[in-house]
Amino acid sequence: MNESMTYSVSEAAHILGIGKGLLYRLVNEREIPALKLGNKRVVIPKTAISQMIQSAFVQQERN
């Protein structure tokens, strides 16, 4: 079993329902943790996406 621990920017954007441009902006503003691999490749830890989604659900339940 060789499951990746990260999403590509395209995958993460799709999961969050946002565009890649917005995701890159959130990464640059350090709103979403990311790893830069080499000169261009950026990946997002799956745990970061899971935590964002769980946090959003908690905030919705409070409102």
C-alpha atoms as a PDB file:
ATOM      1  CA  MET A   1       0.000   0.000   0.000  1.00  0.00           C
ATOM      2  CA  ASN A   2       1.623   3.211  -1.189  1.00  0.00           C
ATOM      3  CA  GLU A   3      -0.922   5.938  -0.452  1.00  0.00           C
ATOM      4  CA  SER A   4       0.286   9.515  -0.708  1.00  0.00           C
ATOM      5  CA  MET A   5       0.112  11.751   2.358  1.00  0.00           C
ATOM      6  CA  THR A   6      -0.389  14.855   0.237  1.00  0.00           C
ATOM      7  CA  TYR A   7      -2.688  16.325  -2.397  1.00  0.00           C
ATOM      8  CA  SER A   8      -1.591  18.222  -5.446  1.00  0.00           C
ATOM      9  CA  VAL A   9      -2.815  21.804  -5.672  1.00  0.00           C
ATOM     10  CA  SER A  10      -5.426  20.717  -8.240  1.00  0.00           C
ATOM     11  CA  GLU A  11      -6.693  17.905  -6.007  1.00  0.00           C
ATOM     12  CA  ALA A  12      -6.854  20.079  -2.882  1.00  0.00           C
ATOM     13  CA  ALA A  13      -8.623  22.895  -4.742  1.00  0.00           C
ATOM     14  CA  HIS A  14     -11.188  20.438  -6.096  1.00  0.00           C
ATOM     15  CA  ILE A  15     -11.835  18.961  -2.638  1.00  0.00           C
ATOM     16  CA  LEU A  16     -12.281  22.422  -1.116  1.00  0.00           C
ATOM     17  CA  GLY A  17     -14.407  23.650  -4.021  1.00  0.00           C
ATOM     18  CA  ILE A  18     -12.117  26.576  -4.821  1.00  0.00           C
ATOM     19  CA  GLY A  19      -9.907  27.522  -7.742  1.00  0.00           C
ATOM     20  CA  LYS A  20      -6.193  26.805  -7.922  1.00  0.00           C
ATOM     21  CA  GLY A  21      -5.419  30.522  -7.899  1.00  0.00           C
ATOM     22  CA  LEU A  22      -7.224  31.009  -4.595  1.00  0.00           C
ATOM     23  CA  LEU A  23      -5.505  27.968  -3.134  1.00  0.00           C
ATOM     24  CA  TYR A  24      -2.086  29.310  -4.136  1.00  0.00           C
ATOM     25  CA  ARG A  25      -3.004  32.642  -2.542  1.00  0.00           C
ATOM     26  CA  LEU A  26      -4.039  30.902   0.693  1.00  0.00           C
ATOM     27  CA  VAL A  27      -0.766  28.968   0.671  1.00  0.00           C
ATOM     28  CA  ASN A  28       1.236  32.175   0.130  1.00  0.00           C
ATOM     29  CA  GLU A  29      -0.689  33.865   2.961  1.00  0.00           C
ATOM     30  CA  ARG A  30       0.034  30.800   5.142  1.00  0.00           C
ATOM     31  CA  GLU A  31      -3.668  30.115   5.648  1.00  0.00           C
ATOM     32  CA  ILE A  32      -3.124  26.568   4.363  1.00  0.00           C
ATOM     33  CA  PRO A  33       0.042  24.628   5.193  1.00  0.00           C
ATOM     34  CA  ALA A  34       1.962  23.418   2.166  1.00  0.00           C
ATOM     35  CA  LEU A  35       5.256  21.883   1.200  1.00  0.00           C
ATOM     36  CA  LYS A  36       7.312  23.243  -1.665  1.00  0.00           C
ATOM     37  CA  LEU A  37       9.159  20.499  -3.496  1.00  0.00           C
ATOM     38  CA  GLY A  38      11.878  21.725  -5.794  1.00  0.00           C
ATOM     39  CA  ASN A  39      11.393  25.002  -7.637  1.00  0.00           C
ATOM     40  CA  LYS A  40       7.726  24.711  -8.592  1.00  0.00           C
ATOM     41  CA  ARG A  41       5.851  21.755  -7.121  1.00  0.00           C
ATOM     42  CA  VAL A  42       3.618  22.536  -4.157  1.00  0.00           C
ATOM     43  CA  VAL A  43       1.731  19.848  -2.236  1.00  0.00           C
ATOM     44  CA  ILE A  44      -0.810  20.104   0.542  1.00  0.00           C
ATOM     45  CA  PRO A  45      -0.802  17.627   3.447  1.00  0.00           C
ATOM     46  CA  LYS A  46      -4.022  15.608   3.565  1.00  0.00           C
ATOM     47  CA  THR A  47      -4.207  16.241   7.303  1.00  0.00           C
ATOM     48  CA  ALA A  48      -4.355  20.011   6.675  1.00  0.00           C
ATOM     49  CA  ILE A  49      -7.356  19.607   4.376  1.00  0.00           C
ATOM     50  CA  SER A  50      -9.102  17.288   6.861  1.00  0.00           C
ATOM     51  CA  GLN A  51      -8.546  19.769   9.690  1.00  0.00           C
ATOM     52  CA  MET A  52      -9.891  22.659   7.604  1.00  0.00           C
ATOM     53  CA  ILE A  53     -13.048  20.734   6.745  1.00  0.00           C
ATOM     54  CA  GLN A  54     -13.608  19.648  10.369  1.00  0.00           C
ATOM     55  CA  SER A  55     -13.066  23.211  11.582  1.00  0.00           C
ATOM     56  CA  ALA A  56     -15.598  24.527   9.069  1.00  0.00           C
ATOM     57  CA  PHE A  57     -18.208  22.022  10.288  1.00  0.00           C
ATOM     58  CA  VAL A  58     -17.609  23.006  13.912  1.00  0.00           C
ATOM     59  CA  GLN A  59     -17.977  26.703  13.069  1.00  0.00           C
ATOM     60  CA  GLN A  60     -21.209  26.035  11.163  1.00  0.00           C
ATOM     61  CA  GLU A  61     -22.663  24.099  14.091  1.00  0.00           C
ATOM     62  CA  ARG A  62     -21.896  27.004  16.446  1.00  0.00           C
ATOM     63  CA  ASN A  63     -23.732  29.503  14.237  1.00  0.00           C
END
